[in-house]
Amino acid sequence: MIPPSLVIGDNSGVGVNAIIRGPTTIGSNVMIGPECIIYTRNHRNDSRYTYV
């Protein structure tokens, strides 16, 4: 199940047992490996083009 706070772009994939928490946007053509853990909190940026 993908929560509404998670947006995944076209041609992107998330590996088996990966955990993504928090409001997160994953762009297009992104691969996230198995068992990766991504937690977001207070990653405010004034520009959406600033990479974290």
C-alpha atoms as a PDB file:
ATOM      1  CA  MET A   1       0.000   0.000   0.000  1.00  0.00           C
ATOM      2  CA  ILE A   2       1.349   3.436  -0.948  1.00  0.00           C
ATOM      3  CA  PRO A   3       0.286   6.231   1.421  1.00  0.00           C
ATOM      4  CA  PRO A   4      -0.842   9.573  -0.065  1.00  0.00           C
ATOM      5  CA  SER A   5       2.231  11.275   1.461  1.00  0.00           C
ATOM      6  CA  LEU A   6       4.508   9.229  -0.842  1.00  0.00           C
ATOM      7  CA  VAL A   7       4.797  10.212  -4.513  1.00  0.00           C
ATOM      8  CA  ILE A   8       6.781   7.985  -6.893  1.00  0.00           C
ATOM      9  CA  GLY A   9       7.635   9.174 -10.403  1.00  0.00           C
ATOM     10  CA  ASP A  10       7.444   7.253 -13.665  1.00  0.00           C
ATOM     11  CA  ASN A  11       9.858   4.359 -14.282  1.00  0.00           C
ATOM     12  CA  SER A  12      10.915   4.237 -10.618  1.00  0.00           C
ATOM     13  CA  GLY A  13      11.151   1.224  -8.353  1.00  0.00           C
ATOM     14  CA  VAL A  14      11.543   0.394  -4.698  1.00  0.00           C
ATOM     15  CA  GLY A  15      13.277  -2.818  -3.653  1.00  0.00           C
ATOM     16  CA  VAL A  16      11.928  -5.590  -1.467  1.00  0.00           C
ATOM     17  CA  ASN A  17      11.646  -4.780   2.258  1.00  0.00           C
ATOM     18  CA  ALA A  18      12.503  -1.089   1.724  1.00  0.00           C
ATOM     19  CA  ILE A  19      10.960   1.330   4.222  1.00  0.00           C
ATOM     20  CA  ILE A  20      10.029   4.905   3.293  1.00  0.00           C
ATOM     21  CA  ARG A  21       8.433   7.068   5.985  1.00  0.00           C
ATOM     22  CA  GLY A  22       7.240  10.639   5.967  1.00  0.00           C
ATOM     23  CA  PRO A  23       6.104  12.924   3.200  1.00  0.00           C
ATOM     24  CA  THR A  24       8.459  11.975   0.382  1.00  0.00           C
ATOM     25  CA  THR A  25       8.653  12.584  -3.352  1.00  0.00           C
ATOM     26  CA  ILE A  26      10.781  10.228  -5.439  1.00  0.00           C
ATOM     27  CA  GLY A  27      11.468  11.470  -8.947  1.00  0.00           C
ATOM     28  CA  SER A  28      11.285   9.640 -12.257  1.00  0.00           C
ATOM     29  CA  ASN A  29      13.819   6.987 -13.284  1.00  0.00           C
ATOM     30  CA  VAL A  30      14.929   6.276  -9.698  1.00  0.00           C
ATOM     31  CA  MET A  31      15.849   2.853  -8.347  1.00  0.00           C
ATOM     32  CA  ILE A  32      15.927   2.245  -4.591  1.00  0.00           C
ATOM     33  CA  GLY A  33      17.565  -1.005  -3.555  1.00  0.00           C
ATOM     34  CA  PRO A  34      16.211  -3.714  -1.283  1.00  0.00           C
ATOM     35  CA  GLU A  35      16.130  -3.128   2.471  1.00  0.00           C
ATOM     36  CA  CYS A  36      16.875   0.620   2.157  1.00  0.00           C
ATOM     37  CA  ILE A  37      15.432   2.781   4.917  1.00  0.00           C
ATOM     38  CA  ILE A  38      14.450   6.389   4.211  1.00  0.00           C
ATOM     39  CA  TYR A  39      13.016   8.543   6.996  1.00  0.00           C
ATOM     40  CA  THR A  40      12.187  12.188   6.390  1.00  0.00           C
ATOM     41  CA  ARG A  41      11.868  14.850   9.022  1.00  0.00           C
ATOM     42  CA  ASN A  42      12.469  18.576   8.876  1.00  0.00           C
ATOM     43  CA  HIS A  43      14.193  18.536   5.489  1.00  0.00           C
ATOM     44  CA  ARG A  44      12.772  21.902   4.509  1.00  0.00           C
ATOM     45  CA  ASN A  45      14.279  23.523   1.430  1.00  0.00           C
ATOM     46  CA  ASP A  46      13.268  26.789  -0.140  1.00  0.00           C
ATOM     47  CA  SER A  47      13.912  25.301  -3.571  1.00  0.00           C
ATOM     48  CA  ARG A  48      12.727  21.926  -4.777  1.00  0.00           C
ATOM     49  CA  TYR A  49      15.964  21.766  -6.797  1.00  0.00           C
ATOM     50  CA  THR A  50      18.161  21.591  -3.678  1.00  0.00           C
ATOM     51  CA  TYR A  51      19.292  18.008  -3.249  1.00  0.00           C
ATOM     52  CA  VAL A  52      19.294  16.458   0.222  1.00  0.00           C
END
